Protein backbone atom coordinates (compact mmCIF):
# COMPACT_ATOMS: atom_id res chain seq x y z
CA UNK A 1 -52.63 25.53 2.31
CA UNK A 2 -55.22 27.39 0.19
CA UNK A 3 -55.91 29.74 3.08
CA UNK A 4 -52.22 30.54 3.39
CA UNK A 5 -52.01 31.34 -0.33
CA UNK A 6 -55.12 33.51 -0.14
CA UNK A 7 -53.76 35.42 2.86
CA UNK A 8 -50.49 36.03 1.07
CA UNK A 9 -52.26 37.59 -1.91
CA UNK A 10 -54.93 39.55 -0.01
CA UNK A 11 -54.69 43.30 0.31
CA UNK A 12 -55.84 45.28 3.29
CA UNK A 13 -56.94 48.87 2.91
CA UNK A 14 -56.92 50.99 6.05
CA UNK A 15 -59.41 53.83 5.91
CA UNK A 16 -60.32 56.62 8.29
CA UNK A 17 -63.96 56.96 9.24
CA UNK A 18 -63.39 60.41 10.74
CA UNK A 19 -64.56 62.39 7.69
CA UNK A 20 -67.77 60.34 7.39
CA UNK A 21 -68.41 60.50 11.15
CA UNK A 22 -67.94 64.27 11.31
CA UNK A 23 -70.22 64.72 8.27
CA UNK A 24 -72.89 62.53 9.90
CA UNK A 25 -72.72 64.54 13.12
CA UNK A 26 -73.07 67.75 11.10
CA UNK A 27 -76.27 66.32 9.58
CA UNK A 28 -77.65 65.33 12.98
CA UNK A 29 -76.76 68.48 14.89
CA UNK A 30 -76.78 72.18 14.11
CA UNK A 31 -73.06 72.69 14.63
CA UNK A 32 -73.36 76.49 14.50
CA UNK A 33 -75.77 76.38 17.45
CA UNK A 34 -73.48 73.94 19.24
CA UNK A 35 -70.54 76.30 18.69
CA UNK A 36 -72.56 79.25 19.97
CA UNK A 37 -73.60 77.31 23.07
CA UNK A 38 -70.01 76.26 23.76
CA UNK A 39 -68.74 79.83 23.42
CA UNK A 40 -70.41 80.87 26.67
CA UNK A 41 -69.38 77.80 28.69
CA UNK A 42 -66.31 76.00 29.92
CA UNK A 43 -66.42 72.61 28.20
CA UNK A 44 -64.01 69.73 28.58
CA UNK A 45 -64.16 66.92 26.00
CA UNK A 46 -62.38 63.75 27.09
CA UNK A 47 -62.24 61.11 24.36
CA UNK A 48 -60.48 58.76 26.81
CA UNK A 49 -58.08 57.65 24.04
CA UNK A 50 -61.02 56.06 22.17
CA UNK A 51 -61.79 55.92 18.47
CA UNK A 52 -63.84 59.13 18.49
CA UNK A 53 -60.84 61.25 19.53
CA UNK A 54 -59.95 62.50 16.03
CA UNK A 55 -63.58 63.48 15.39
CA UNK A 56 -63.75 65.24 18.76
CA UNK A 57 -60.59 67.14 17.89
CA UNK A 58 -62.02 68.19 14.53
CA UNK A 59 -65.38 69.23 16.00
CA UNK A 60 -64.26 70.94 19.20
CA UNK A 61 -60.73 72.28 18.60
CA UNK A 62 -60.69 75.89 19.78
CA UNK A 63 -64.17 75.53 21.31
CA UNK A 64 -63.42 73.25 24.24
CA UNK A 65 -60.57 71.88 26.29
CA UNK A 66 -59.62 68.58 24.65
CA UNK A 67 -58.23 65.74 26.75
CA UNK A 68 -56.90 62.34 25.61
CA UNK A 69 -58.05 62.64 21.98
CA UNK A 70 -55.30 60.39 20.59
CA UNK A 71 -56.68 56.86 20.12
CA UNK A 72 -54.63 54.20 21.86
CA UNK A 73 -55.27 50.44 21.75
CA UNK A 74 -55.18 50.17 25.54
CA UNK A 75 -56.99 53.49 26.19
CA UNK A 76 -53.68 54.79 27.54
CA UNK A 77 -54.14 52.62 30.61
CA UNK A 78 -57.33 54.51 31.47
CA UNK A 79 -60.56 52.79 32.29
CA UNK A 80 -62.90 53.40 29.31
CA UNK A 81 -65.94 54.11 31.52
CA UNK A 82 -66.31 57.89 31.96
CA UNK A 83 -67.84 58.02 35.43
CA UNK A 84 -66.48 59.88 38.45
CA UNK A 85 -64.80 56.74 39.80
CA UNK A 86 -62.64 56.31 36.68
CA UNK A 87 -62.53 59.84 35.27
CA UNK A 88 -61.43 61.91 38.25
CA UNK A 89 -58.99 63.87 36.07
CA UNK A 90 -61.88 64.84 33.77
CA UNK A 91 -63.90 65.96 36.77
CA UNK A 92 -60.96 68.01 38.02
CA UNK A 93 -60.50 69.62 34.57
CA UNK A 94 -64.19 70.58 34.67
CA UNK A 95 -63.79 72.06 38.15
CA UNK A 96 -65.62 69.26 39.95
CA UNK A 97 -64.60 67.16 42.91
CA UNK A 98 -65.17 63.43 43.41
CA UNK A 99 -68.74 64.09 44.58
CA UNK A 100 -69.56 65.92 41.36
């Protein structure tokens, strides 16, 4: 009974970690050099509907082709392992075939 009362009075705050994550990546990597390197290459970023999608969008929008950057609880039905067996559409977007 006490647990039920506690749960009824508890508050949940939902926060986004995207700002902190992007700031941490900017500390770890020279984003200007990354941007310069991307400018001369075809880059495809596939977040596979995972939690890093919003950060990928913020970091790479306009610098890379972004695929599946909207987080979904079931990964959009995709297998979350980005290897050629499960990510054939990523390979195709990058101009590769199943053999790599």
